Amino acid sequence: MSPSFAFRDSWQVDAPVSAVHDVLLDLERYPDWWPQVVAVASLGPDDARVLCRSTLPYTLDLVLHASNRSAGLLEVDVSGDLAGSVRFALTAVDGGTRLDFSQEVRVGGLLGAASYVARPVLRWNHDQMMAGCIAGLRSQAQDLR
């Protein structure tokens, strides 16, 4: 059985829900604002191959499939080095948008084997990745208002 990870967090961005949703839907532009997203290749209207590298010297190779893009919600199935799902739920709040993030993934391959002993380091690395996400979204928010 592959090791699994579950992440949850909430952030606020000073931009309307519709604008934040549009940014999250535009996968091909993620490298413009999310430093840990190295490259994105479109595989079709709902699919993309994404390379991510956070602080650790390891690049994740992921295939993302948008399973739900309704207003205020983005749900993505993940395969590749990780297998599972990611969800961004967006809610209007005073001053902008609250993002509720959740991710549940299994880790395979060499990274999965390493996760048995390096779990705290991998969680820290993920936290660094998501700090880049929210900082990037917040910088984008200046252009979205």
C-alpha atoms as a PDB file:
ATOM      1  CA  MET A   1       0.000   0.000   0.000  1.00  0.00           C
ATOM      2  CA  SER A   2       1.346   3.427  -0.960  1.00  0.00           C
ATOM      3  CA  PRO A   3       1.767   5.999   1.799  1.00  0.00           C
ATOM      4  CA  SER A   4      -0.932   8.655   1.814  1.00  0.00           C
ATOM      5  CA  PHE A   5      -1.037  12.319   2.739  1.00  0.00           C
ATOM      6  CA  ALA A   6      -3.954  14.623   3.472  1.00  0.00           C
ATOM      7  CA  PHE A   7      -3.566  18.400   3.507  1.00  0.00           C
ATOM      8  CA  ARG A   8      -6.084  21.084   4.413  1.00  0.00           C
ATOM      9  CA  ASP A   9      -5.715  24.845   4.651  1.00  0.00           C
ATOM     10  CA  SER A  10      -7.629  28.093   4.205  1.00  0.00           C
ATOM     11  CA  TRP A  11      -6.445  31.435   2.888  1.00  0.00           C
ATOM     12  CA  GLN A  12      -7.900  34.767   1.936  1.00  0.00           C
ATOM     13  CA  VAL A  13      -7.169  36.665  -1.275  1.00  0.00           C
ATOM     14  CA  ASP A  14      -8.218  40.273  -1.884  1.00  0.00           C
ATOM     15  CA  ALA A  15     -10.019  39.638  -5.173  1.00  0.00           C
ATOM     16  CA  PRO A  16     -13.530  38.550  -6.204  1.00  0.00           C
ATOM     17  CA  VAL A  17     -14.370  34.833  -6.328  1.00  0.00           C
ATOM     18  CA  SER A  18     -14.849  34.892 -10.103  1.00  0.00           C
ATOM     19  CA  ALA A  19     -11.390  36.389 -10.673  1.00  0.00           C
ATOM     20  CA  VAL A  20      -9.637  33.925  -8.353  1.00  0.00           C
ATOM     21  CA  HIS A  21     -11.548  31.056  -9.985  1.00  0.00           C
ATOM     22  CA  ASP A  22     -10.412  32.224 -13.439  1.00  0.00           C
ATOM     23  CA  VAL A  23      -6.764  32.258 -12.319  1.00  0.00           C
ATOM     24  CA  LEU A  24      -7.033  28.756 -10.848  1.00  0.00           C
ATOM     25  CA  LEU A  25      -8.642  27.435 -14.039  1.00  0.00           C
ATOM     26  CA  ASP A  26      -5.865  28.777 -16.269  1.00  0.00           C
ATOM     27  CA  LEU A  27      -3.340  25.978 -15.656  1.00  0.00           C
ATOM     28  CA  GLU A  28      -1.034  26.953 -18.489  1.00  0.00           C
ATOM     29  CA  ARG A  29      -0.252  30.249 -16.737  1.00  0.00           C
ATOM     30  CA  TYR A  30       0.561  28.711 -13.335  1.00  0.00           C
ATOM     31  CA  PRO A  31       4.332  29.053 -13.916  1.00  0.00           C
ATOM     32  CA  ASP A  32       3.803  32.842 -14.306  1.00  0.00           C
ATOM     33  CA  TRP A  33       2.655  33.245 -10.697  1.00  0.00           C
ATOM     34  CA  TRP A  34       3.376  29.985  -8.829  1.00  0.00           C
ATOM     35  CA  PRO A  35       7.172  29.631  -8.506  1.00  0.00           C
ATOM     36  CA  GLN A  36       7.112  25.896  -7.735  1.00  0.00           C
ATOM     37  CA  VAL A  37       5.196  25.031 -10.917  1.00  0.00           C
ATOM     38  CA  VAL A  38       8.045  24.520 -13.363  1.00  0.00           C
ATOM     39  CA  ALA A  39       6.101  23.635 -16.529  1.00  0.00           C
ATOM     40  CA  VAL A  40       2.587  22.914 -17.766  1.00  0.00           C
ATOM     41  CA  ALA A  41       1.598  21.187 -21.003  1.00  0.00           C
ATOM     42  CA  SER A  42      -2.041  21.076 -22.051  1.00  0.00           C
ATOM     43  CA  LEU A  43      -3.290  17.579 -22.883  1.00  0.00           C
ATOM     44  CA  GLY A  44      -6.795  18.724 -23.764  1.00  0.00           C
ATOM     45  CA  PRO A  45      -9.538  20.955 -22.377  1.00  0.00           C
ATOM     46  CA  ASP A  46      -9.649  19.209 -18.978  1.00  0.00           C
ATOM     47  CA  ASP A  47      -6.165  17.683 -18.768  1.00  0.00           C
ATOM     48  CA  ALA A  48      -2.602  18.880 -18.297  1.00  0.00           C
ATOM     49  CA  ARG A  49       0.828  17.529 -17.474  1.00  0.00           C
ATOM     50  CA  VAL A  50       2.437  19.578 -14.702  1.00  0.00           C
ATOM     51  CA  LEU A  51       5.992  19.524 -13.356  1.00  0.00           C
ATOM     52  CA  CYS A  52       6.384  20.836  -9.797  1.00  0.00           C
ATOM     53  CA  ARG A  53       9.489  21.365  -7.737  1.00  0.00           C
ATOM     54  CA  SER A  54       9.438  22.829  -4.272  1.00  0.00           C
ATOM     55  CA  THR A  55      12.415  23.113  -1.911  1.00  0.00           C
ATOM     56  CA  LEU A  56      13.601  19.491  -2.053  1.00  0.00           C
ATOM     57  CA  PRO A  57      15.643  18.476  -5.113  1.00  0.00           C
ATOM     58  CA  TYR A  58      12.849  16.374  -6.625  1.00  0.00           C
ATOM     59  CA  THR A  59      10.504  17.267  -9.475  1.00  0.00           C
ATOM     60  CA  LEU A  60       7.004  15.815  -9.346  1.00  0.00           C
ATOM     61  CA  ASP A  61       5.567  14.752 -12.707  1.00  0.00           C
ATOM     62  CA  LEU A  62       1.782  14.955 -12.498  1.00  0.00           C
ATOM     63  CA  VAL A  63      -1.179  14.581 -14.821  1.00  0.00           C
ATOM     64  CA  LEU A  64      -4.163  16.661 -13.746  1.00  0.00           C
ATOM     65  CA  HIS A  65      -7.748  16.129 -14.845  1.00  0.00           C
ATOM     66  CA  ALA A  66     -10.326  18.807 -13.964  1.00  0.00           C
ATOM     67  CA  SER A  67     -13.352  16.860 -12.740  1.00  0.00           C
ATOM     68  CA  ASN A  68     -15.353  19.875 -11.564  1.00  0.00           C
ATOM     69  CA  ARG A  69     -14.926  23.507 -12.604  1.00  0.00           C
ATOM     70  CA  SER A  70     -18.216  24.928 -11.421  1.00  0.00           C
ATOM     71  CA  ALA A  71     -18.407  28.488 -10.125  1.00  0.00           C
ATOM     72  CA  GLY A  72     -16.487  28.752  -6.886  1.00  0.00           C
ATOM     73  CA  LEU A  73     -15.055  25.253  -7.086  1.00  0.00           C
ATOM     74  CA  LEU A  74     -12.154  23.468  -8.729  1.00  0.00           C
ATOM     75  CA  GLU A  75     -11.754  19.725  -8.236  1.00  0.00           C
ATOM     76  CA  VAL A  76      -8.874  17.920  -9.882  1.00  0.00           C
ATOM     77  CA  ASP A  77      -7.933  14.250 -10.132  1.00  0.00           C
ATOM     78  CA  VAL A  78      -4.175  13.708  -9.899  1.00  0.00           C
ATOM     79  CA  SER A  79      -2.087  10.866 -11.326  1.00  0.00           C
ATOM     80  CA  GLY A  80       1.614  10.338 -11.931  1.00  0.00           C
ATOM     81  CA  ASP A  81       4.056  10.632  -9.029  1.00  0.00           C
ATOM     82  CA  LEU A  82       1.015  11.310  -6.812  1.00  0.00           C
ATOM     83  CA  ALA A  83      -2.446   9.780  -7.126  1.00  0.00           C
ATOM     84  CA  GLY A  84      -5.533  11.332  -5.600  1.00  0.00           C
ATOM     85  CA  SER A  85      -7.438  14.596  -5.650  1.00  0.00           C
ATOM     86  CA  VAL A  86      -7.118  18.322  -5.040  1.00  0.00           C
ATOM     87  CA  ARG A  87      -9.957  20.700  -4.258  1.00  0.00           C
ATOM     88  CA  PHE A  88     -10.189  24.492  -4.079  1.00  0.00           C
ATOM     89  CA  ALA A  89     -13.530  25.770  -2.741  1.00  0.00           C
ATOM     90  CA  LEU A  90     -13.972  29.545  -3.083  1.00  0.00           C
ATOM     91  CA  THR A  91     -16.287  31.619  -0.919  1.00  0.00           C
ATOM     92  CA  ALA A  92     -16.960  35.349  -1.065  1.00  0.00           C
ATOM     93  CA  VAL A  93     -15.965  37.139   2.151  1.00  0.00           C
ATOM     94  CA  ASP A  94     -15.600  40.797   3.084  1.00  0.00           C
ATOM     95  CA  GLY A  95     -12.581  42.024   1.169  1.00  0.00           C
ATOM     96  CA  GLY A  96     -12.311  39.152  -1.284  1.00  0.00           C
ATOM     97  CA  THR A  97     -12.277  35.372  -1.443  1.00  0.00           C
ATOM     98  CA  ARG A  98     -11.648  32.611   1.072  1.00  0.00           C
ATOM     99  CA  LEU A  99      -9.976  29.573  -0.465  1.00  0.00           C
ATOM    100  CA  ASP A 100     -10.472  26.266   1.308  1.00  0.00           C
ATOM    101  CA  PHE A 101      -7.842  23.864   0.008  1.00  0.00           C
ATOM    102  CA  SER A 102      -7.820  20.106   0.460  1.00  0.00           C
ATOM    103  CA  GLN A 103      -5.602  17.453  -1.040  1.00  0.00           C
ATOM    104  CA  GLU A 104      -5.600  13.700  -0.534  1.00  0.00           C
ATOM    105  CA  VAL A 105      -2.899  11.775  -2.350  1.00  0.00           C
ATOM    106  CA  ARG A 106      -0.994   8.514  -2.335  1.00  0.00           C
ATOM    107  CA  VAL A 107       2.711   8.599  -3.057  1.00  0.00           C
ATOM    108  CA  GLY A 108       4.325   5.967  -5.239  1.00  0.00           C
ATOM    109  CA  GLY A 109       7.769   5.072  -6.481  1.00  0.00           C
ATOM    110  CA  LEU A 110      10.980   6.255  -4.875  1.00  0.00           C
ATOM    111  CA  LEU A 111       9.239   9.181  -3.198  1.00  0.00           C
ATOM    112  CA  GLY A 112       6.718   6.800  -1.657  1.00  0.00           C
ATOM    113  CA  ALA A 113       9.480   4.633  -0.231  1.00  0.00           C
ATOM    114  CA  ALA A 114      11.238   7.715   1.168  1.00  0.00           C
ATOM    115  CA  SER A 115       8.014   9.009   2.716  1.00  0.00           C
ATOM    116  CA  TYR A 116       8.050   6.298   5.385  1.00  0.00           C
ATOM    117  CA  VAL A 117      11.092   7.932   7.008  1.00  0.00           C
ATOM    118  CA  ALA A 118      10.905  11.472   5.610  1.00  0.00           C
ATOM    119  CA  ARG A 119       7.216  12.189   6.202  1.00  0.00           C
ATOM    120  CA  PRO A 120       7.800  15.418   8.227  1.00  0.00           C
ATOM    121  CA  VAL A 121      10.224  16.705   5.581  1.00  0.00           C
ATOM    122  CA  LEU A 122       7.774  15.949   2.769  1.00  0.00           C
ATOM    123  CA  ARG A 123       4.972  17.720   4.646  1.00  0.00           C
ATOM    124  CA  TRP A 124       7.274  20.728   5.137  1.00  0.00           C
ATOM    125  CA  ASN A 125       8.135  20.659   1.413  1.00  0.00           C
ATOM    126  CA  HIS A 126       4.419  20.639   0.572  1.00  0.00           C
ATOM    127  CA  ASP A 127       3.886  23.596   2.921  1.00  0.00           C
ATOM    128  CA  GLN A 128       6.596  25.493   1.011  1.00  0.00           C
ATOM    129  CA  MET A 129       4.853  24.675  -2.272  1.00  0.00           C
ATOM    130  CA  MET A 130       1.515  25.956  -1.008  1.00  0.00           C
ATOM    131  CA  ALA A 131       3.127  29.088   0.456  1.00  0.00           C
ATOM    132  CA  GLY A 132       4.279  29.825  -3.102  1.00  0.00           C
ATOM    133  CA  CYS A 133       0.732  29.257  -4.338  1.00  0.00           C
ATOM    134  CA  ILE A 134      -0.940  31.647  -1.941  1.00  0.00           C
ATOM    135  CA  ALA A 135       1.786  34.302  -2.304  1.00  0.00           C
ATOM    136  CA  GLY A 136       1.395  34.083  -6.079  1.00  0.00           C
ATOM    137  CA  LEU A 137      -2.387  34.301  -5.918  1.00  0.00           C
ATOM    138  CA  ARG A 138      -2.160  37.296  -3.619  1.00  0.00           C
ATOM    139  CA  SER A 139       0.226  39.060  -6.001  1.00  0.00           C
ATOM    140  CA  GLN A 140      -2.142  38.248  -8.882  1.00  0.00           C
ATOM    141  CA  ALA A 141      -5.011  39.700  -6.838  1.00  0.00           C
ATOM    142  CA  GLN A 142      -3.617  43.188  -7.323  1.00  0.00           C
ATOM    143  CA  ASP A 143      -4.312  42.781 -11.046  1.00  0.00           C
ATOM    144  CA  LEU A 144      -7.705  41.114 -10.494  1.00  0.00           C
ATOM    145  CA  ARG A 145      -9.513  43.817  -8.523  1.00  0.00           C
END
